[in-house]
């Protein structure tokens, strides 16, 4: 994984949205080739996306079945190379974060597990 990767993640106001944002930002802080992108920035711009996406491989992190990040990017004509379902990862470990404002115990565990899962998924990119 040497190329720049842009993690475009859920920004929903749900416990899982918080987990996804925390995992994405932490990965960006810990890895110089990963950037965390703000999906609301892209939805607010009428006809374009951030320059970050021009030279990065795009991976969306879905928080729920609505998959807003992928939908918004597709509306802008931007394709992701991979979509990761955080909901599926968290459910596989029987975790249930309940707080949308602060990470509870399950939220902290979910962030850690999701980060490891994302890094594993990025290995082949």
N, C-alpha and C. Protein backbone atom coordinates (compact mmCIF):
# COMPACT_ATOMS: atom_id res chain seq x y z
N UNK A 1 0.84 -1.17 0.00
CA UNK A 1 0.00 0.00 0.00
C UNK A 1 0.89 1.24 0.00
N UNK A 2 1.40 1.59 -1.16
CA UNK A 2 2.28 2.75 -1.26
C UNK A 2 1.58 3.96 -1.84
N UNK A 3 0.50 3.75 -2.58
CA UNK A 3 -0.22 4.85 -3.17
C UNK A 3 -1.03 5.59 -2.12
N UNK A 4 -1.35 6.86 -2.42
CA UNK A 4 -2.20 7.62 -1.53
C UNK A 4 -3.61 7.06 -1.58
N UNK A 5 -4.20 6.87 -0.40
CA UNK A 5 -5.56 6.35 -0.26
C UNK A 5 -6.40 7.41 0.43
N UNK A 6 -7.54 7.73 -0.16
CA UNK A 6 -8.49 8.65 0.47
C UNK A 6 -9.63 7.83 1.03
N UNK A 7 -9.79 7.87 2.35
CA UNK A 7 -10.92 7.21 2.99
C UNK A 7 -12.07 8.20 3.05
N UNK A 8 -13.09 7.94 2.28
CA UNK A 8 -14.27 8.80 2.25
C UNK A 8 -15.34 8.05 3.03
N UNK A 9 -15.61 8.54 4.23
CA UNK A 9 -16.42 7.74 5.14
C UNK A 9 -17.73 8.40 5.52
N UNK A 10 -18.56 7.56 6.08
CA UNK A 10 -19.84 7.97 6.63
C UNK A 10 -19.62 9.14 7.58
N UNK A 11 -20.51 10.09 7.56
CA UNK A 11 -20.46 11.17 8.55
C UNK A 11 -21.81 11.31 9.23
N UNK A 12 -22.54 10.22 9.27
CA UNK A 12 -23.87 10.22 9.88
C UNK A 12 -23.83 10.47 11.38
N UNK A 13 -24.93 10.98 11.88
CA UNK A 13 -25.03 11.28 13.31
C UNK A 13 -25.61 10.09 14.07
N UNK A 14 -24.90 8.99 13.95
CA UNK A 14 -25.29 7.76 14.63
C UNK A 14 -24.05 7.24 15.36
N UNK A 15 -24.23 6.30 16.26
CA UNK A 15 -23.06 5.71 16.90
C UNK A 15 -22.06 5.12 15.89
N UNK A 16 -22.57 4.47 14.85
CA UNK A 16 -21.67 3.88 13.86
C UNK A 16 -21.00 4.97 13.02
N UNK A 17 -21.69 6.06 12.76
CA UNK A 17 -21.07 7.18 12.06
C UNK A 17 -19.87 7.70 12.83
N UNK A 18 -20.00 7.80 14.15
CA UNK A 18 -18.89 8.23 14.99
C UNK A 18 -17.74 7.23 14.93
N UNK A 19 -18.05 5.95 14.97
CA UNK A 19 -17.03 4.90 14.89
C UNK A 19 -16.28 5.01 13.57
N UNK A 20 -17.00 5.17 12.48
CA UNK A 20 -16.37 5.26 11.16
C UNK A 20 -15.48 6.49 11.06
N UNK A 21 -15.98 7.63 11.52
CA UNK A 21 -15.17 8.86 11.48
C UNK A 21 -13.90 8.70 12.32
N UNK A 22 -14.04 8.16 13.53
CA UNK A 22 -12.88 7.99 14.40
C UNK A 22 -11.85 7.05 13.77
N UNK A 23 -12.30 5.94 13.22
CA UNK A 23 -11.37 4.99 12.59
C UNK A 23 -10.66 5.62 11.41
N UNK A 24 -11.39 6.34 10.57
CA UNK A 24 -10.80 6.96 9.38
C UNK A 24 -9.77 8.02 9.75
N UNK A 25 -10.11 8.88 10.70
CA UNK A 25 -9.20 9.94 11.11
C UNK A 25 -7.96 9.36 11.79
N UNK A 26 -8.15 8.38 12.65
CA UNK A 26 -6.99 7.76 13.30
C UNK A 26 -6.07 7.10 12.29
N UNK A 27 -6.63 6.42 11.30
CA UNK A 27 -5.79 5.80 10.27
C UNK A 27 -5.02 6.85 9.49
N UNK A 28 -5.65 7.98 9.21
CA UNK A 28 -4.97 9.06 8.49
C UNK A 28 -3.83 9.65 9.33
N UNK A 29 -4.04 9.76 10.62
CA UNK A 29 -2.99 10.29 11.49
C UNK A 29 -1.83 9.32 11.66
N UNK A 30 -2.10 8.04 11.55
CA UNK A 30 -1.09 7.01 11.77
C UNK A 30 -0.36 6.56 10.50
N UNK A 31 -0.89 6.92 9.33
CA UNK A 31 -0.32 6.45 8.05
C UNK A 31 -0.19 7.62 7.09
N UNK A 32 1.02 7.90 6.67
CA UNK A 32 1.24 9.08 5.84
C UNK A 32 0.62 8.98 4.44
N UNK A 33 0.29 7.78 3.99
CA UNK A 33 -0.30 7.65 2.66
C UNK A 33 -1.84 7.57 2.71
N UNK A 34 -2.42 7.73 3.89
CA UNK A 34 -3.88 7.71 4.03
C UNK A 34 -4.37 9.10 4.42
N UNK A 35 -5.42 9.56 3.75
CA UNK A 35 -6.07 10.81 4.13
C UNK A 35 -7.54 10.51 4.43
N UNK A 36 -8.06 11.19 5.41
CA UNK A 36 -9.49 11.08 5.73
C UNK A 36 -10.19 12.23 5.02
N UNK A 37 -11.18 11.91 4.23
CA UNK A 37 -11.89 12.91 3.44
C UNK A 37 -13.27 13.16 4.02
N UNK A 38 -13.73 14.37 3.85
CA UNK A 38 -15.02 14.79 4.39
C UNK A 38 -16.09 14.70 3.30
N UNK A 39 -17.01 13.77 3.44
CA UNK A 39 -18.03 13.59 2.41
C UNK A 39 -18.96 14.80 2.33
N UNK A 40 -19.16 15.50 3.43
CA UNK A 40 -20.05 16.67 3.37
C UNK A 40 -19.43 17.79 2.53
N UNK A 41 -18.10 17.86 2.50
CA UNK A 41 -17.45 18.84 1.62
C UNK A 41 -17.85 18.59 0.17
N UNK A 42 -17.85 17.34 -0.22
CA UNK A 42 -18.17 17.00 -1.60
C UNK A 42 -19.64 17.24 -1.92
N UNK A 43 -20.50 16.95 -0.96
CA UNK A 43 -21.93 17.15 -1.23
C UNK A 43 -22.27 18.64 -1.29
N UNK A 44 -21.50 19.48 -0.61
CA UNK A 44 -21.77 20.92 -0.60
C UNK A 44 -21.29 21.63 -1.86
N UNK A 45 -20.31 21.06 -2.54
CA UNK A 45 -19.78 21.67 -3.75
C UNK A 45 -20.70 21.35 -4.93
N UNK A 46 -21.11 22.35 -5.70
CA UNK A 46 -22.09 22.07 -6.76
C UNK A 46 -21.61 21.17 -7.88
N UNK A 47 -20.38 21.30 -8.33
CA UNK A 47 -19.97 20.56 -9.52
C UNK A 47 -18.62 19.87 -9.43
N UNK A 48 -18.02 19.85 -8.27
CA UNK A 48 -16.69 19.25 -8.22
C UNK A 48 -16.43 18.59 -6.88
N UNK A 49 -15.28 17.95 -6.81
CA UNK A 49 -14.82 17.31 -5.58
C UNK A 49 -13.48 17.90 -5.19
N UNK A 50 -13.06 17.58 -4.01
CA UNK A 50 -11.80 18.07 -3.48
C UNK A 50 -10.61 17.61 -4.33
N UNK A 51 -9.59 18.44 -4.44
CA UNK A 51 -8.36 18.02 -5.15
C UNK A 51 -7.71 16.79 -4.52
N UNK A 52 -8.02 16.50 -3.27
CA UNK A 52 -7.47 15.31 -2.62
C UNK A 52 -7.78 14.06 -3.43
N UNK A 53 -8.97 14.05 -4.01
CA UNK A 53 -9.41 12.85 -4.72
C UNK A 53 -8.77 12.71 -6.09
N UNK A 54 -8.13 13.75 -6.59
CA UNK A 54 -7.54 13.69 -7.92
C UNK A 54 -6.32 12.77 -7.99
N UNK A 55 -5.57 12.67 -6.90
CA UNK A 55 -4.35 11.86 -6.94
C UNK A 55 -4.35 10.76 -5.89
N UNK A 56 -5.53 10.32 -5.49
CA UNK A 56 -5.62 9.26 -4.49
C UNK A 56 -6.59 8.18 -4.95
N UNK A 57 -6.33 6.98 -4.51
CA UNK A 57 -7.29 5.90 -4.71
C UNK A 57 -8.37 6.07 -3.64
N UNK A 58 -9.61 5.95 -4.04
CA UNK A 58 -10.72 6.27 -3.15
C UNK A 58 -11.36 5.00 -2.61
N UNK A 59 -11.48 4.95 -1.29
CA UNK A 59 -12.14 3.85 -0.61
C UNK A 59 -13.25 4.47 0.24
N UNK A 60 -14.46 4.01 0.04
CA UNK A 60 -15.56 4.51 0.86
C UNK A 60 -15.78 3.56 2.04
N UNK A 61 -16.15 4.16 3.16
CA UNK A 61 -16.46 3.39 4.36
C UNK A 61 -17.93 3.66 4.67
N UNK A 62 -18.75 2.65 4.53
CA UNK A 62 -20.19 2.76 4.68
C UNK A 62 -20.59 2.55 6.13
N UNK A 63 -21.43 3.44 6.63
CA UNK A 63 -21.91 3.31 8.00
C UNK A 63 -23.24 2.58 8.08
N UNK A 64 -24.05 2.69 7.04
CA UNK A 64 -25.36 2.02 7.05
C UNK A 64 -25.73 1.65 5.61
N UNK A 65 -26.91 1.10 5.46
CA UNK A 65 -27.36 0.65 4.15
C UNK A 65 -27.59 1.76 3.14
N UNK A 66 -27.69 3.00 3.59
CA UNK A 66 -27.90 4.10 2.66
C UNK A 66 -26.66 4.40 1.82
N UNK A 67 -25.48 4.08 2.35
CA UNK A 67 -24.20 4.25 1.64
C UNK A 67 -24.05 5.64 1.04
N UNK A 68 -24.29 6.66 1.84
CA UNK A 68 -24.28 8.05 1.38
C UNK A 68 -22.97 8.45 0.70
N UNK A 69 -21.85 7.99 1.24
CA UNK A 69 -20.56 8.38 0.66
C UNK A 69 -20.46 7.95 -0.79
N UNK A 70 -20.79 6.71 -1.08
CA UNK A 70 -20.73 6.23 -2.47
C UNK A 70 -21.73 6.93 -3.36
N UNK A 71 -22.92 7.16 -2.85
CA UNK A 71 -23.96 7.83 -3.64
C UNK A 71 -23.53 9.25 -4.00
N UNK A 72 -23.02 9.98 -3.02
CA UNK A 72 -22.58 11.37 -3.26
C UNK A 72 -21.45 11.39 -4.28
N UNK A 73 -20.47 10.51 -4.11
CA UNK A 73 -19.35 10.49 -5.06
C UNK A 73 -19.81 10.12 -6.46
N UNK A 74 -20.70 9.14 -6.58
CA UNK A 74 -21.21 8.76 -7.90
C UNK A 74 -21.93 9.92 -8.56
N UNK A 75 -22.68 10.69 -7.77
CA UNK A 75 -23.36 11.87 -8.31
C UNK A 75 -22.36 12.89 -8.85
N UNK A 76 -21.14 12.89 -8.30
CA UNK A 76 -20.08 13.80 -8.75
C UNK A 76 -19.23 13.18 -9.85
N UNK A 77 -19.55 11.95 -10.24
CA UNK A 77 -18.78 11.28 -11.29
C UNK A 77 -17.49 10.66 -10.79
N UNK A 78 -17.41 10.38 -9.50
CA UNK A 78 -16.20 9.81 -8.90
C UNK A 78 -16.49 8.38 -8.49
N UNK A 79 -15.61 7.46 -8.89
CA UNK A 79 -15.78 6.05 -8.54
C UNK A 79 -14.77 5.63 -7.49
N UNK A 80 -15.24 4.89 -6.52
CA UNK A 80 -14.36 4.33 -5.50
C UNK A 80 -13.85 2.98 -5.98
N UNK A 81 -12.64 2.64 -5.57
CA UNK A 81 -12.09 1.34 -5.96
C UNK A 81 -12.54 0.25 -4.99
N UNK A 82 -13.03 0.65 -3.82
CA UNK A 82 -13.47 -0.32 -2.83
C UNK A 82 -14.48 0.36 -1.91
N UNK A 83 -15.43 -0.45 -1.43
CA UNK A 83 -16.40 0.02 -0.45
C UNK A 83 -16.37 -0.95 0.72
N UNK A 84 -16.16 -0.44 1.91
CA UNK A 84 -16.10 -1.25 3.11
C UNK A 84 -17.33 -0.96 3.96
N UNK A 85 -18.04 -2.02 4.35
CA UNK A 85 -19.23 -1.88 5.19
C UNK A 85 -18.85 -2.00 6.65
N UNK A 86 -18.81 -0.87 7.34
CA UNK A 86 -18.48 -0.88 8.76
C UNK A 86 -19.54 -1.62 9.56
N UNK A 87 -20.78 -1.50 9.15
CA UNK A 87 -21.88 -2.18 9.84
C UNK A 87 -21.64 -3.69 9.89
N UNK A 88 -21.25 -4.26 8.76
CA UNK A 88 -21.00 -5.70 8.70
C UNK A 88 -19.83 -6.10 9.59
N UNK A 89 -18.78 -5.29 9.62
CA UNK A 89 -17.61 -5.59 10.44
C UNK A 89 -17.99 -5.56 11.92
N UNK A 90 -18.68 -4.52 12.33
CA UNK A 90 -19.06 -4.37 13.73
C UNK A 90 -20.00 -5.49 14.18
N UNK A 91 -20.97 -5.81 13.32
CA UNK A 91 -21.91 -6.88 13.66
C UNK A 91 -21.22 -8.24 13.76
N UNK A 92 -20.21 -8.46 12.93
CA UNK A 92 -19.48 -9.73 12.95
C UNK A 92 -18.81 -9.97 14.30
N UNK A 93 -18.50 -8.90 15.01
CA UNK A 93 -17.87 -9.00 16.33
C UNK A 93 -18.87 -8.80 17.46
N UNK A 94 -20.15 -8.79 17.10
CA UNK A 94 -21.23 -8.66 18.08
C UNK A 94 -21.08 -7.42 18.95
N UNK A 95 -20.69 -6.32 18.33
CA UNK A 95 -20.56 -5.05 19.04
C UNK A 95 -21.76 -4.17 18.73
N UNK A 96 -22.12 -3.35 19.68
CA UNK A 96 -23.28 -2.49 19.51
C UNK A 96 -23.01 -1.11 20.14
N UNK A 97 -22.25 -0.25 19.43
CA UNK A 97 -22.02 1.09 19.96
C UNK A 97 -23.36 1.81 20.10
N UNK A 98 -23.53 2.55 21.21
CA UNK A 98 -24.82 3.18 21.48
C UNK A 98 -24.78 4.70 21.57
N UNK A 99 -23.60 5.31 21.55
CA UNK A 99 -23.51 6.75 21.75
C UNK A 99 -23.00 7.43 20.48
N UNK A 100 -23.75 8.40 20.00
CA UNK A 100 -23.37 9.11 18.77
C UNK A 100 -22.44 10.29 19.04
N UNK A 101 -22.19 10.59 20.32
CA UNK A 101 -21.39 11.76 20.68
C UNK A 101 -20.01 11.38 21.21
N UNK A 102 -19.98 10.33 22.02
CA UNK A 102 -18.72 9.87 22.60
C UNK A 102 -18.63 8.35 22.45
N UNK A 103 -17.43 7.87 22.22
CA UNK A 103 -17.25 6.43 22.06
C UNK A 103 -17.45 5.72 23.40
N UNK A 104 -18.40 4.80 23.44
CA UNK A 104 -18.58 3.95 24.61
C UNK A 104 -17.64 2.75 24.47
N UNK A 105 -17.73 1.79 25.38
CA UNK A 105 -16.82 0.64 25.33
C UNK A 105 -16.90 -0.10 24.00
N UNK A 106 -18.12 -0.40 23.55
CA UNK A 106 -18.27 -1.08 22.27
C UNK A 106 -17.79 -0.20 21.12
N UNK A 107 -17.98 1.09 21.24
CA UNK A 107 -17.51 2.01 20.20
C UNK A 107 -15.99 1.99 20.07
N UNK A 108 -15.30 2.02 21.21
CA UNK A 108 -13.83 1.96 21.21
C UNK A 108 -13.35 0.65 20.60
N UNK A 109 -13.98 -0.44 20.99
CA UNK A 109 -13.60 -1.75 20.43
C UNK A 109 -13.87 -1.77 18.93
N UNK A 110 -14.99 -1.20 18.52
CA UNK A 110 -15.36 -1.18 17.10
C UNK A 110 -14.35 -0.37 16.29
N UNK A 111 -13.89 0.76 16.82
CA UNK A 111 -12.88 1.57 16.12
C UNK A 111 -11.62 0.75 15.90
N UNK A 112 -11.16 0.09 16.93
CA UNK A 112 -9.94 -0.72 16.84
C UNK A 112 -10.09 -1.84 15.81
N UNK A 113 -11.18 -2.55 15.87
CA UNK A 113 -11.43 -3.66 14.93
C UNK A 113 -11.58 -3.13 13.50
N UNK A 114 -12.31 -2.03 13.35
CA UNK A 114 -12.52 -1.47 12.01
C UNK A 114 -11.21 -0.99 11.40
N UNK A 115 -10.35 -0.37 12.19
CA UNK A 115 -9.05 0.07 11.68
C UNK A 115 -8.24 -1.11 11.15
N UNK A 116 -8.19 -2.18 11.92
CA UNK A 116 -7.45 -3.37 11.48
C UNK A 116 -8.06 -3.94 10.20
N UNK A 117 -9.37 -3.97 10.14
CA UNK A 117 -10.06 -4.50 8.97
C UNK A 117 -9.77 -3.63 7.74
N UNK A 118 -9.85 -2.32 7.90
CA UNK A 118 -9.58 -1.42 6.78
C UNK A 118 -8.15 -1.60 6.28
N UNK A 119 -7.19 -1.63 7.18
CA UNK A 119 -5.79 -1.82 6.77
C UNK A 119 -5.60 -3.13 6.01
N UNK A 120 -6.24 -4.18 6.48
CA UNK A 120 -6.15 -5.46 5.75
C UNK A 120 -6.74 -5.34 4.36
N UNK A 121 -7.88 -4.66 4.24
CA UNK A 121 -8.51 -4.46 2.93
C UNK A 121 -7.67 -3.60 2.00
N UNK A 122 -6.88 -2.71 2.56
CA UNK A 122 -6.04 -1.81 1.75
C UNK A 122 -4.76 -2.49 1.26
N UNK A 123 -4.41 -3.63 1.83
CA UNK A 123 -3.17 -4.31 1.44
C UNK A 123 -3.08 -4.61 -0.04
N UNK A 124 -4.16 -4.98 -0.65
CA UNK A 124 -4.14 -5.35 -2.06
C UNK A 124 -4.30 -4.19 -3.02
N UNK A 125 -4.33 -3.00 -2.48
CA UNK A 125 -4.57 -1.82 -3.35
C UNK A 125 -3.26 -1.20 -3.77
